[in-house]
Structure formats: structure tokens, C-alpha cells
């Protein structure tokens, strides 16, 4: 193991080397976000010559040196505080405070870079799963409401279309509200679901006046949902990307869905309700797995709109949820076909003919 550098013994101890370490780590972090061509161009313009990569042992030495330098800075600051107290020198105390503040700021920046995995010792990216609350909570109630809505769509979607068209608008509006809250960073259940339900209610009211809006919203929701699921599959297997990538992808799907609204409107209502009911049913099953700490709840509505949760197709729980969606969708079509009213009108019973030659009030012919 290489010998460590001796501890500094002045008030400014370690500041320069710590600052250099922070700058090196920050430059490395920025360069990791750049393409190879961008890095080469920047290095050429700046005349920068890339240094040899730091070994893991040297990286740990840098971390230990940073800690030692911070301890030395604290000890030196304590001595300055004692001296300022003994000599009653406010200027010395002020200088000690400023020196310690600068040292702590640089040390914090250095360790933040290390926390992100881009410091002297690279750390592989690990996804952190946040499970729902213990016991019965607001999210559980919303899952039950979603399940009830899904079963209603599957069994009586076409028959109760006159009423369920508003519920469909409520569902799409709520889903859009969840995505909006995710972009704003609203994570608490009560404000998040309150805003989402308010968005759903607004779309519900709009549907009551103009039913065609629902088909446009449904088409846009389907387009955005397909692109969102596709993005979730891709993000599961690649390094984290900027959040606006997901927003742009969903926006493209929404625009494409809007222009395809006539196709969606021409589709059979029973298929639309069955597919939506199947999707919501599979989403509720995904929430159940998430509640039981068996998976990250990939297909639950709240997690689908989250940038940090991907869609892991290697998990049997995820494949089970997808299977439930498919089975429930086909079951909805079959159930609604079986319960649909037969077409055609009943023949009206012919009334007995009257004597055309008879006047008003004449009796029927026998």
C-alpha cells in the first residue's frame, strides 16, 4: 500500500488538494455524460491530455486522504477558536469560520460525487425500491377503486357505455394527473392523488358536455401509454437518462394518438372497455406484488409514470401481470359478447284491419 501523505498542520491544510480532487471528480462526472466525439473535441480544444485511470487501491487512498484532511481542518479550526477566545480576537474567529465553511463545502461536493458513483472509487448503479406503506392506507383504497372500475369495464362496458364514458374520462384524467405530479416531484400520497382525481373530475365534466373529447383523450392516452411502457422497458436495461427524455417520448405518443383518434373511435366499444379493464386489472395485481414486497410494482399506475421505476421483464411477477392483462382483456370481450342484447327489432303485432269504406268510428271487420 502506498504511504499516505502527512497530515497538514496549518489552517489552510488540505484545501488545495481537496479542491483538486473535487474538480477532478466533477470533470469525470461531466465527461461521462458526453459522447466520445464531444470528449475528444473538448480535449483537443483545451489541449488536455488524458491521465492514466486511477486504480481501485489509489481511489480508496484518495477517500482516506479526504477524511484525514477534513479531520486536520477541524483540529486546526478548533485551535483557532481557542486562540481567538484567549486573545479576544473576533477577526481570527471570523477567518476560522470562513476557512472551515470552505473546507466543508468542498468536502461535501467531493463526497456527493462519490455517492453518485462517479468518485475515485466507481460504484455500480443500484435501483432502490421504495415499498408502499404498512397497513391500510390511501394507496390501498385507490387500488380497490381501480380494481372495481376494471371489473365494471370488463363485464358491462358496452352495455353501460352511456354512463361509463364518464368513468373512462375520469380514469384517463387521473392517470394524466399522476404523471403531472411525478414531473413536479409530488410524492406524498394525499396531495398526489388529490391532484390526480381533480384532473380526472375535470375531464369527467368535459365528457358530460362533449363525448367526442373522450375518444380524443382515449387515443392520446393509448398513444402516450404505449410509448411510456416502451420507454420503461428500454430504461430498465440502459444507464439512467435525463427525465425529459421520458416526457418527450410520451409527448410523441400523445400526438400520434390524437391523429389516430378516428381509428380508435371506429373500434368496437367492447374491445376498448375490455382492454382498459384488463390493463387496470393487471396494474392492481402488480400493486399486490408490490405491497407484499415481492417486486417493485412495475405496472402499478403510480410507478408507470415514475421516471425511476423501469419495467423488468425478467421477473415472473411482471410477466404474470402482463398475462393477467391479456387474459382479462379477452375475457372482457367474451363476457360482453355473451351478455350483449341480440340485434334486430321485434315485429309489431298487426292491428286488425278496418273497413276502409266505413266512416269515422266504424267497427273493425270480422
Protein backbone atom coordinates (compact mmCIF):
# COMPACT_ATOMS: atom_id res chain seq x y z
CA UNK A 1 0.00 0.00 0.00
CA UNK A 2 1.44 3.42 -0.87
CA UNK A 3 2.36 5.59 2.08
CA UNK A 4 -0.16 8.24 2.97
CA UNK A 5 0.66 11.92 2.82
CA UNK A 6 1.38 13.51 6.21
CA UNK A 7 -1.45 15.43 7.80
CA UNK A 8 -1.32 19.21 7.14
CA UNK A 9 -0.65 21.40 10.13
CA UNK A 10 -1.91 24.84 9.12
CA UNK A 11 -5.32 26.46 8.98
CA UNK A 12 -5.43 26.15 5.18
CA UNK A 13 -4.41 22.50 5.38
CA UNK A 14 -5.74 20.19 2.74
CA UNK A 15 -7.85 22.79 1.00
CA UNK A 16 -5.87 22.82 -2.26
CA UNK A 17 -5.59 19.05 -2.64
CA UNK A 18 -9.22 18.52 -1.61
CA UNK A 19 -10.34 21.16 -4.10
CA UNK A 20 -8.30 19.49 -6.84
CA UNK A 21 -9.88 16.12 -6.03
CA UNK A 22 -13.36 17.60 -6.21
CA UNK A 23 -12.62 19.27 -9.54
CA UNK A 24 -11.21 16.04 -10.98
CA UNK A 25 -14.25 14.06 -9.86
CA UNK A 26 -16.64 16.70 -11.23
CA UNK A 27 -14.89 16.75 -14.61
CA UNK A 28 -15.05 12.95 -14.74
CA UNK A 29 -18.78 13.06 -13.96
CA UNK A 30 -19.44 15.59 -16.74
CA UNK A 31 -17.35 13.69 -19.25
CA UNK A 32 -19.30 10.52 -18.53
CA UNK A 33 -22.44 12.30 -19.73
CA UNK A 34 -20.76 13.35 -23.01
CA UNK A 35 -20.38 11.36 -26.19
CA UNK A 36 -16.95 10.16 -27.32
CA UNK A 37 -16.84 12.78 -30.07
CA UNK A 38 -17.69 15.58 -27.62
CA UNK A 39 -14.95 14.46 -25.22
CA UNK A 40 -12.36 14.29 -27.99
CA UNK A 41 -13.34 17.72 -29.31
CA UNK A 42 -13.21 19.30 -25.86
CA UNK A 43 -9.85 17.71 -25.11
CA UNK A 44 -8.46 18.90 -28.44
CA UNK A 45 -9.68 22.47 -27.94
CA UNK A 46 -8.35 22.67 -24.40
CA UNK A 47 -5.09 20.85 -25.09
CA UNK A 48 -5.96 18.36 -22.40
CA UNK A 49 -4.03 15.08 -22.20
CA UNK A 50 -5.95 12.29 -20.53
CA UNK A 51 -4.19 10.86 -17.47
CA UNK A 52 -3.96 7.21 -16.64
CA UNK A 53 -7.04 5.82 -14.87
CA UNK A 54 -6.85 5.61 -11.11
CA UNK A 55 -6.70 2.11 -9.69
CA UNK A 56 -9.19 0.98 -7.06
CA UNK A 57 -6.49 0.99 -4.37
CA UNK A 58 -5.46 4.54 -5.25
CA UNK A 59 -9.13 5.54 -5.24
CA UNK A 60 -9.57 4.33 -1.67
CA UNK A 61 -6.39 6.17 -0.71
CA UNK A 62 -7.95 9.37 -2.06
CA UNK A 63 -11.06 8.78 0.03
CA UNK A 64 -8.98 8.21 3.18
CA UNK A 65 -6.87 11.28 2.43
CA UNK A 66 -10.03 13.35 2.11
CA UNK A 67 -11.19 12.19 5.53
CA UNK A 68 -7.77 12.84 7.09
CA UNK A 69 -7.64 16.33 5.57
CA UNK A 70 -11.09 17.11 6.89
CA UNK A 71 -10.12 15.95 10.39
CA UNK A 72 -6.98 18.08 10.22
CA UNK A 73 -9.03 21.10 9.13
CA UNK A 74 -11.40 20.60 12.06
CA UNK A 75 -8.50 20.32 14.51
CA UNK A 76 -6.88 23.45 13.10
CA UNK A 77 -10.16 25.35 13.29
CA UNK A 78 -10.58 24.29 16.91
CA UNK A 79 -7.13 25.65 17.73
CA UNK A 80 -8.01 28.93 16.02
CA UNK A 81 -11.24 29.16 18.01
CA UNK A 82 -9.32 28.59 21.25
CA UNK A 83 -6.77 31.21 20.26
CA UNK A 84 -9.49 33.69 19.32
CA UNK A 85 -11.12 33.15 22.71
CA UNK A 86 -7.82 33.61 24.56
CA UNK A 87 -6.86 36.79 22.67
CA UNK A 88 -10.42 38.07 22.26
CA UNK A 89 -9.80 38.41 18.52
CA UNK A 90 -13.12 38.45 16.52
CA UNK A 91 -11.23 38.74 13.22
CA UNK A 92 -9.43 35.46 13.87
CA UNK A 93 -12.71 33.76 14.74
CA UNK A 94 -14.27 35.07 11.53
CA UNK A 95 -11.33 33.81 9.47
CA UNK A 96 -11.56 30.39 11.13
CA UNK A 97 -15.29 30.19 10.37
CA UNK A 98 -14.76 31.11 6.72
CA UNK A 99 -11.93 28.58 6.36
CA UNK A 100 -13.99 25.76 7.87
CA UNK A 101 -17.02 26.66 5.74
CA UNK A 102 -14.97 26.46 2.54
CA UNK A 103 -13.41 23.19 3.62
CA UNK A 104 -16.79 21.63 4.45
CA UNK A 105 -18.31 22.81 1.16
CA UNK A 106 -15.50 21.21 -0.83
CA UNK A 107 -15.65 18.02 1.19
CA UNK A 108 -19.42 17.81 0.72
CA UNK A 109 -19.10 18.24 -3.04
CA UNK A 110 -16.38 15.58 -3.15
CA UNK A 111 -18.46 13.01 -1.28
CA UNK A 112 -21.64 13.82 -3.23
CA UNK A 113 -19.80 12.87 -6.41
CA UNK A 114 -18.65 9.65 -4.73
CA UNK A 115 -22.24 8.96 -3.62
CA UNK A 116 -23.37 9.19 -7.24
CA UNK A 117 -20.81 6.52 -8.10
CA UNK A 118 -18.51 8.81 -10.13
CA UNK A 119 -15.83 9.45 -7.48
CA UNK A 120 -12.33 7.96 -7.12
CA UNK A 121 -13.90 4.54 -6.49
CA UNK A 122 -16.66 3.90 -9.08
CA UNK A 123 -19.83 2.40 -7.62
CA UNK A 124 -22.28 0.48 -9.88
CA UNK A 125 -25.73 1.99 -10.11
CA UNK A 126 -28.29 0.20 -7.95
CA UNK A 127 -32.04 0.74 -8.07
CA UNK A 128 -33.62 1.43 -4.70
CA UNK A 129 -37.12 0.00 -4.30
CA UNK A 130 -39.50 2.04 -2.14
CA UNK A 131 -42.40 -0.11 -0.97
CA UNK A 132 -45.89 1.17 -0.12
CA UNK A 133 -46.96 1.95 3.41
CA UNK A 134 -47.56 -0.73 6.00
CA UNK A 135 -51.18 -1.48 6.87
CA UNK A 136 -54.18 0.03 5.09
CA UNK A 137 -53.59 3.48 3.60
CA UNK A 138 -54.78 5.84 0.87
CA UNK A 139 -52.96 3.95 -1.87
CA UNK A 140 -54.69 0.71 -0.88
CA UNK A 141 -58.06 2.43 -1.14
CA UNK A 142 -57.21 3.74 -4.59
CA UNK A 143 -56.13 0.25 -5.68
CA UNK A 144 -59.54 -1.12 -4.64
CA UNK A 145 -61.30 1.66 -6.57
CA UNK A 146 -59.18 0.91 -9.65
CA UNK A 147 -59.99 -2.82 -9.35
CA UNK A 148 -63.74 -2.12 -9.08
CA UNK A 149 -63.54 0.14 -12.13
CA UNK A 150 -61.64 -2.53 -14.05
CA UNK A 151 -64.21 -5.25 -13.31
CA UNK A 152 -67.03 -2.90 -14.33
CA UNK A 153 -65.31 -2.14 -17.64
CA UNK A 154 -64.77 -5.84 -18.34
CA UNK A 155 -68.28 -7.03 -17.57
CA UNK A 156 -70.61 -4.18 -18.59
CA UNK A 157 -68.51 -1.76 -20.63
CA UNK A 158 -70.60 -1.69 -23.80
CA UNK A 159 -73.97 -2.09 -22.09
CA UNK A 160 -73.38 0.85 -19.72
CA UNK A 161 -71.44 2.97 -22.18
CA UNK A 162 -73.77 5.91 -21.65
CA UNK A 163 -72.60 6.12 -18.02
CA UNK A 164 -69.15 4.56 -18.16
CA UNK A 165 -67.93 7.01 -20.79
CA UNK A 166 -67.59 9.49 -17.93
CA UNK A 167 -65.77 6.91 -15.81
CA UNK A 168 -63.37 6.35 -18.69
CA UNK A 169 -62.66 10.07 -18.79
CA UNK A 170 -62.13 10.01 -15.03
CA UNK A 171 -59.60 7.18 -15.40
CA UNK A 172 -57.62 8.89 -18.17
CA UNK A 173 -57.63 12.22 -16.35
CA UNK A 174 -56.43 10.63 -13.13
CA UNK A 175 -53.62 8.85 -14.95
CA UNK A 176 -52.56 12.14 -16.54
CA UNK A 177 -52.67 13.78 -13.11
CA UNK A 178 -50.33 11.13 -11.70
CA UNK A 179 -47.86 11.80 -14.49
CA UNK A 180 -48.08 15.56 -13.87
CA UNK A 181 -47.40 15.05 -10.14
CA UNK A 182 -44.40 12.86 -10.97
CA UNK A 183 -42.93 15.68 -13.06
CA UNK A 184 -43.45 18.13 -10.18
CA UNK A 185 -41.85 15.74 -7.68
CA UNK A 186 -45.00 15.34 -5.57
CA UNK A 187 -44.52 12.01 -3.78
CA UNK A 188 -46.88 12.14 -0.81
CA UNK A 189 -50.00 10.06 -1.36
CA UNK A 190 -52.69 12.54 -0.29
CA UNK A 191 -51.68 15.58 -2.38
CA UNK A 192 -50.68 13.38 -5.32
CA UNK A 193 -53.99 11.51 -5.51
CA UNK A 194 -55.97 14.66 -4.73
CA UNK A 195 -54.47 16.49 -7.72
CA UNK A 196 -54.87 13.41 -9.93
CA UNK A 197 -58.51 12.86 -9.01
CA UNK A 198 -59.19 16.56 -9.57
CA UNK A 199 -57.74 16.24 -13.08
CA UNK A 200 -59.92 13.18 -13.64
CA UNK A 201 -63.00 15.01 -12.43
CA UNK A 202 -62.27 17.90 -14.78
CA UNK A 203 -62.12 15.50 -17.71
CA UNK A 204 -65.30 13.80 -16.46
CA UNK A 205 -67.18 17.12 -16.53
CA UNK A 206 -65.88 17.82 -20.03
CA UNK A 207 -67.13 14.42 -21.16
CA UNK A 208 -70.62 15.21 -19.92
CA UNK A 209 -70.80 18.03 -22.49
CA UNK A 210 -68.77 16.72 -25.39
CA UNK A 211 -68.48 12.95 -25.65
CA UNK A 212 -66.12 13.11 -28.60
CA UNK A 213 -63.44 14.53 -26.33
CA UNK A 214 -63.25 11.14 -24.64
CA UNK A 215 -62.27 9.41 -27.85
CA UNK A 216 -59.57 12.01 -28.47
CA UNK A 217 -58.36 11.66 -24.87
CA UNK A 218 -58.52 7.88 -25.10
CA UNK A 219 -56.46 7.88 -28.28
CA UNK A 220 -53.93 10.23 -26.75
CA UNK A 221 -53.83 8.13 -23.58
CA UNK A 222 -53.26 4.93 -25.55
CA UNK A 223 -50.51 6.55 -27.63
CA UNK A 224 -48.80 8.01 -24.58
CA UNK A 225 -49.23 4.79 -22.59
CA UNK A 226 -47.69 2.63 -25.31
CA UNK A 227 -44.69 4.94 -25.60
CA UNK A 228 -44.35 5.11 -21.81
CA UNK A 229 -44.31 1.33 -21.44
CA UNK A 230 -41.81 1.04 -24.29
CA UNK A 231 -39.60 3.64 -22.62
CA UNK A 232 -39.84 1.78 -19.30
CA UNK A 233 -38.64 -1.43 -20.98
CA UNK A 234 -35.68 0.36 -22.55
CA UNK A 235 -34.68 2.31 -19.40
CA UNK A 236 -34.51 -0.93 -17.41
CA UNK A 237 -31.51 -2.10 -19.44
CA UNK A 238 -29.60 1.15 -20.02
CA UNK A 239 -27.97 3.69 -17.68
CA UNK A 240 -30.24 6.41 -16.22
CA UNK A 241 -31.22 9.07 -18.74
CA UNK A 242 -32.39 12.68 -18.27
CA UNK A 243 -36.01 12.91 -17.13
CA UNK A 244 -37.10 14.98 -20.11
CA UNK A 245 -36.41 12.01 -22.40
CA UNK A 246 -39.43 10.24 -20.90
CA UNK A 247 -41.54 13.39 -21.24
CA UNK A 248 -40.60 13.77 -24.92
CA UNK A 249 -41.29 10.09 -25.64
CA UNK A 250 -44.74 10.23 -24.09
CA UNK A 251 -45.47 13.52 -25.86
CA UNK A 252 -44.75 11.94 -29.23
CA UNK A 253 -47.11 9.08 -28.39
CA UNK A 254 -49.84 11.51 -27.35
CA UNK A 255 -49.56 13.44 -30.63
CA UNK A 256 -49.67 10.25 -32.71
CA UNK A 257 -52.66 9.06 -30.69
CA UNK A 258 -54.51 12.30 -31.34
CA UNK A 259 -54.18 11.94 -35.10
CA UNK A 260 -55.36 8.32 -34.85
CA UNK A 261 -58.48 9.21 -32.85
CA UNK A 262 -60.82 8.35 -35.74
CA UNK A 263 -59.45 4.82 -35.86
CA UNK A 264 -59.94 4.40 -32.13
CA UNK A 265 -63.44 5.84 -32.28
CA UNK A 266 -64.39 3.39 -35.03
CA UNK A 267 -63.26 0.43 -32.92
CA UNK A 268 -65.82 -1.65 -31.07
CA UNK A 269 -66.64 -0.26 -27.64
CA UNK A 270 -66.48 -3.69 -26.09
CA UNK A 271 -62.86 -4.05 -27.16
CA UNK A 272 -61.95 -0.62 -25.77
CA UNK A 273 -63.55 -1.29 -22.41
CA UNK A 274 -62.11 -4.83 -22.24
CA UNK A 275 -58.57 -3.68 -22.96
CA UNK A 276 -58.77 -0.83 -20.47
CA UNK A 277 -60.31 -3.11 -17.84
CA UNK A 278 -57.63 -5.75 -18.46
CA UNK A 279 -54.88 -3.15 -18.13
CA UNK A 280 -56.27 -1.84 -14.84
CA UNK A 281 -56.69 -5.40 -13.51
CA UNK A 282 -53.06 -6.27 -14.28
CA UNK A 283 -51.99 -2.99 -12.70
CA UNK A 284 -53.82 -3.90 -9.49
CA UNK A 285 -52.12 -7.32 -9.45
CA UNK A 286 -48.78 -5.55 -9.82
CA UNK A 287 -49.69 -3.36 -6.84
CA UNK A 288 -50.46 -6.51 -4.82
CA UNK A 289 -46.99 -7.91 -5.56
CA UNK A 290 -45.51 -4.54 -4.62
CA UNK A 291 -47.47 -4.44 -1.38
CA UNK A 292 -46.15 -7.90 -0.49
CA UNK A 293 -42.55 -6.74 -1.15
CA UNK A 294 -42.19 -9.25 -3.99
CA UNK A 295 -41.34 -6.76 -6.73
CA UNK A 296 -41.05 -3.03 -7.44
CA UNK A 297 -44.63 -2.72 -8.71
CA UNK A 298 -43.56 -2.10 -12.31
CA UNK A 299 -47.08 -1.90 -13.77
CA UNK A 300 -48.88 -0.07 -10.98
CA UNK A 301 -50.29 3.24 -12.23
CA UNK A 302 -48.23 5.36 -9.87
CA UNK A 303 -44.97 3.60 -10.78
CA UNK A 304 -45.62 3.61 -14.52
CA UNK A 305 -45.46 7.40 -14.55
CA UNK A 306 -42.33 7.45 -12.37
CA UNK A 307 -39.04 8.06 -14.14
CA UNK A 308 -37.05 5.96 -11.67
CA UNK A 309 -39.09 2.74 -11.96
CA UNK A 310 -38.45 0.58 -15.01
CA UNK A 311 -40.22 -2.47 -16.39
CA UNK A 312 -38.23 -5.59 -15.54
CA UNK A 313 -39.40 -8.30 -17.94
CA UNK A 314 -37.08 -10.86 -16.32
CA UNK A 315 -39.29 -11.07 -13.21
CA UNK A 316 -42.04 -13.67 -13.22
CA UNK A 317 -44.27 -11.26 -11.30
CA UNK A 318 -44.10 -8.75 -14.17
CA UNK A 319 -44.86 -11.45 -16.73
CA UNK A 320 -47.76 -12.62 -14.56
CA UNK A 321 -49.24 -9.12 -14.54
CA UNK A 322 -48.89 -8.88 -18.31
CA UNK A 323 -50.59 -12.27 -18.62
CA UNK A 324 -53.43 -11.10 -16.37
CA UNK A 325 -53.89 -8.06 -18.60
CA UNK A 326 -54.15 -10.21 -21.72
CA UNK A 327 -56.46 -12.82 -20.16
CA UNK A 328 -58.72 -10.18 -18.60
CA UNK A 329 -58.97 -8.32 -21.91
CA UNK A 330 -60.03 -11.44 -23.83
CA UNK A 331 -62.40 -12.40 -21.02
CA UNK A 332 -64.00 -8.96 -21.22
CA UNK A 333 -64.68 -9.35 -24.94
CA UNK A 334 -66.19 -12.80 -24.41
CA UNK A 335 -68.31 -11.72 -21.43
CA UNK A 336 -69.68 -8.67 -23.21
CA UNK A 337 -70.40 -10.67 -26.35
CA UNK A 338 -72.32 -13.23 -24.30
CA UNK A 339 -74.35 -10.63 -22.42
CA UNK A 340 -74.97 -8.24 -25.31
CA UNK A 341 -78.55 -7.80 -26.43
CA UNK A 342 -79.48 -9.51 -29.65
CA UNK A 343 -79.81 -7.20 -32.59
CA UNK A 344 -82.99 -6.60 -34.56
CA UNK A 345 -86.39 -5.31 -33.59
CA UNK A 346 -89.36 -7.38 -32.71
CA UNK A 347 -92.15 -7.48 -35.30
CA UNK A 348 -95.01 -5.32 -34.27
CA UNK A 349 -98.30 -7.11 -33.96
CA UNK A 350 -100.58 -6.08 -36.78
CA UNK A 351 -103.75 -4.49 -35.67
CA UNK A 352 -107.00 -5.73 -37.19
CA UNK A 353 -107.77 -4.00 -40.42
CA UNK A 354 -110.62 -1.59 -40.54
CA UNK A 355 -113.20 -1.23 -43.25
CA UNK A 356 -111.81 1.48 -45.46
CA UNK A 357 -115.26 2.26 -46.76
CA UNK A 358 -116.65 2.77 -43.25
CA UNK A 359 -116.63 6.21 -41.79
CA UNK A 360 -115.17 7.53 -38.57
CA UNK A 361 -115.96 5.32 -35.58
CA UNK A 362 -116.80 2.26 -37.68
CA UNK A 363 -116.11 -1.10 -36.13
CA UNK A 364 -113.42 -3.44 -37.39
CA UNK A 365 -114.19 -6.11 -39.90
CA UNK A 366 -114.55 -9.63 -38.61
